[in-house]
Amino acid sequence: MATEDLNRSTSTGATLPPLSSPLTRIADITEHLQPRPVGSRVYQAIAELNSGFEKAIQHLRVLEQFNFFPADVLTAWLNSVQYLQAEANSHLLELLDDREMNNAAYYDRLCRQ
């Protein structure tokens, strides 16, 4: 019985949809993309944020030199600031990467057209 079903489904009148290649599927996906611009002000703000972190780190290191403050507290604060900087950069750049990859795919499609 299974053979009869197979024979019926592959008869001369039956047509299968064409197999799409990975490139065709990518083209289908990118066809619906719209640009999501990232202005230079975004990158400037991230640079200034990092500059602020660097200043805080520098000032904490200067405070260490006075020996007025417990070293373990200043070290903990240094570690906290550096952790916060790394986390902020990681998350911000991940979000930007998503937008920039979208933009690259969008403009790549336009170039191929």
Protein backbone atom coordinates (compact mmCIF):
# COMPACT_ATOMS: atom_id res chain seq x y z
CA MET A 1 0.00 0.00 0.00
CA ALA A 2 2.84 2.41 0.80
CA THR A 3 4.29 1.73 -2.62
CA GLU A 4 0.96 2.60 -4.24
CA ASP A 5 0.83 5.91 -2.33
CA LEU A 6 4.39 6.68 -3.41
CA ASN A 7 3.60 5.87 -7.02
CA ARG A 8 0.50 8.06 -6.97
CA SER A 9 2.34 11.02 -5.44
CA THR A 10 5.16 10.87 -7.99
CA SER A 11 3.01 10.37 -11.06
CA THR A 12 3.67 12.50 -14.10
CA GLY A 13 1.01 15.03 -13.07
CA ALA A 14 2.50 15.69 -9.61
CA THR A 15 5.07 18.44 -9.23
CA LEU A 16 7.23 19.14 -6.27
CA PRO A 17 8.15 22.68 -5.28
CA PRO A 18 11.68 23.57 -6.29
CA LEU A 19 14.24 23.20 -3.57
CA SER A 20 15.55 26.55 -2.47
CA SER A 21 19.25 27.00 -2.02
CA PRO A 22 20.67 28.66 1.11
CA LEU A 23 21.42 31.76 -0.98
CA THR A 24 17.81 31.94 -2.15
CA ARG A 25 16.61 31.68 1.45
CA ILE A 26 19.01 34.43 2.53
CA ALA A 27 17.81 36.61 -0.34
CA ASP A 28 14.21 36.01 0.75
CA ILE A 29 15.08 37.04 4.30
CA THR A 30 17.07 40.12 3.31
CA GLU A 31 14.36 41.26 0.92
CA HIS A 32 12.22 42.29 3.88
CA LEU A 33 14.97 44.08 5.76
CA GLN A 34 14.85 47.82 6.20
CA PRO A 35 17.87 49.95 7.15
CA ARG A 36 18.19 50.78 10.82
CA PRO A 37 20.74 53.62 10.79
CA VAL A 38 23.16 54.11 13.64
CA GLY A 39 24.34 57.69 13.72
CA SER A 40 27.83 58.76 14.66
CA ARG A 41 26.39 60.34 17.83
CA VAL A 42 25.74 56.84 19.18
CA TYR A 43 29.39 55.86 18.76
CA GLN A 44 30.49 59.23 20.15
CA ALA A 45 28.33 58.70 23.25
CA ILE A 46 29.85 55.25 23.80
CA ALA A 47 33.33 56.73 23.44
CA GLU A 48 32.50 59.45 25.96
CA LEU A 49 31.03 56.87 28.34
CA ASN A 50 34.29 54.92 28.14
CA SER A 51 36.25 58.11 28.70
CA GLY A 52 34.21 58.68 31.87
CA PHE A 53 34.93 55.15 33.08
CA GLU A 54 38.63 55.68 32.40
CA LYS A 55 38.61 58.93 34.40
CA ALA A 56 36.89 57.22 37.33
CA ILE A 57 39.47 54.42 37.22
CA GLN A 58 42.32 56.94 37.05
CA HIS A 59 40.96 58.91 40.01
CA LEU A 60 40.51 55.78 42.11
CA ARG A 61 44.14 54.84 41.39
CA VAL A 62 45.25 58.31 42.47
CA LEU A 63 43.28 57.92 45.70
CA GLU A 64 45.13 54.65 46.35
CA GLN A 65 48.41 56.58 46.48
CA PHE A 66 47.36 58.68 49.49
CA ASN A 67 47.06 55.74 51.86
CA PHE A 68 44.12 57.50 53.56
CA PHE A 69 41.59 54.98 52.39
CA PRO A 70 41.40 51.22 52.87
CA ALA A 71 43.08 49.59 49.87
CA ASP A 72 40.58 46.75 49.76
CA VAL A 73 37.67 49.20 49.45
CA LEU A 74 39.33 51.14 46.63
CA THR A 75 40.24 47.89 44.88
CA ALA A 76 36.63 46.71 45.16
CA TRP A 77 35.43 49.99 43.67
CA LEU A 78 38.00 49.76 40.87
CA ASN A 79 36.83 46.25 40.09
CA SER A 80 33.20 47.38 40.15
CA VAL A 81 33.83 50.28 37.77
CA GLN A 82 35.82 48.09 35.38
CA TYR A 83 33.13 45.40 35.52
CA LEU A 84 30.44 47.98 34.81
CA GLN A 85 32.46 49.31 31.87
CA ALA A 86 32.91 45.84 30.41
CA GLU A 87 29.22 44.97 30.87
CA ALA A 88 28.04 48.25 29.37
CA ASN A 89 30.34 47.88 26.35
CA SER A 90 29.36 44.26 25.86
CA HIS A 91 25.62 44.95 25.86
CA LEU A 92 25.79 48.19 23.87
CA LEU A 93 28.02 46.71 21.20
CA GLU A 94 25.89 43.58 20.95
CA LEU A 95 22.84 45.71 20.21
CA LEU A 96 24.79 47.79 17.70
CA ASP A 97 26.13 44.65 16.07
CA ASP A 98 22.56 43.44 15.43
CA ARG A 99 21.66 46.75 13.79
CA GLU A 100 24.86 46.95 11.75
CA MET A 101 24.51 43.36 10.52
CA ASN A 102 20.94 44.19 9.46
CA ASN A 103 22.21 47.28 7.64
CA ALA A 104 25.02 45.32 5.97
CA ALA A 105 22.57 42.71 4.70
CA TYR A 106 20.18 45.41 3.46
CA TYR A 107 22.85 47.32 1.53
CA ASP A 108 24.48 44.12 0.29
CA ARG A 109 21.14 43.19 -1.28
CA LEU A 110 20.97 46.62 -2.95
CA CYS A 111 24.53 46.23 -4.29
CA ARG A 112 23.70 42.80 -5.75
CA GLN A 113 20.64 44.24 -7.50
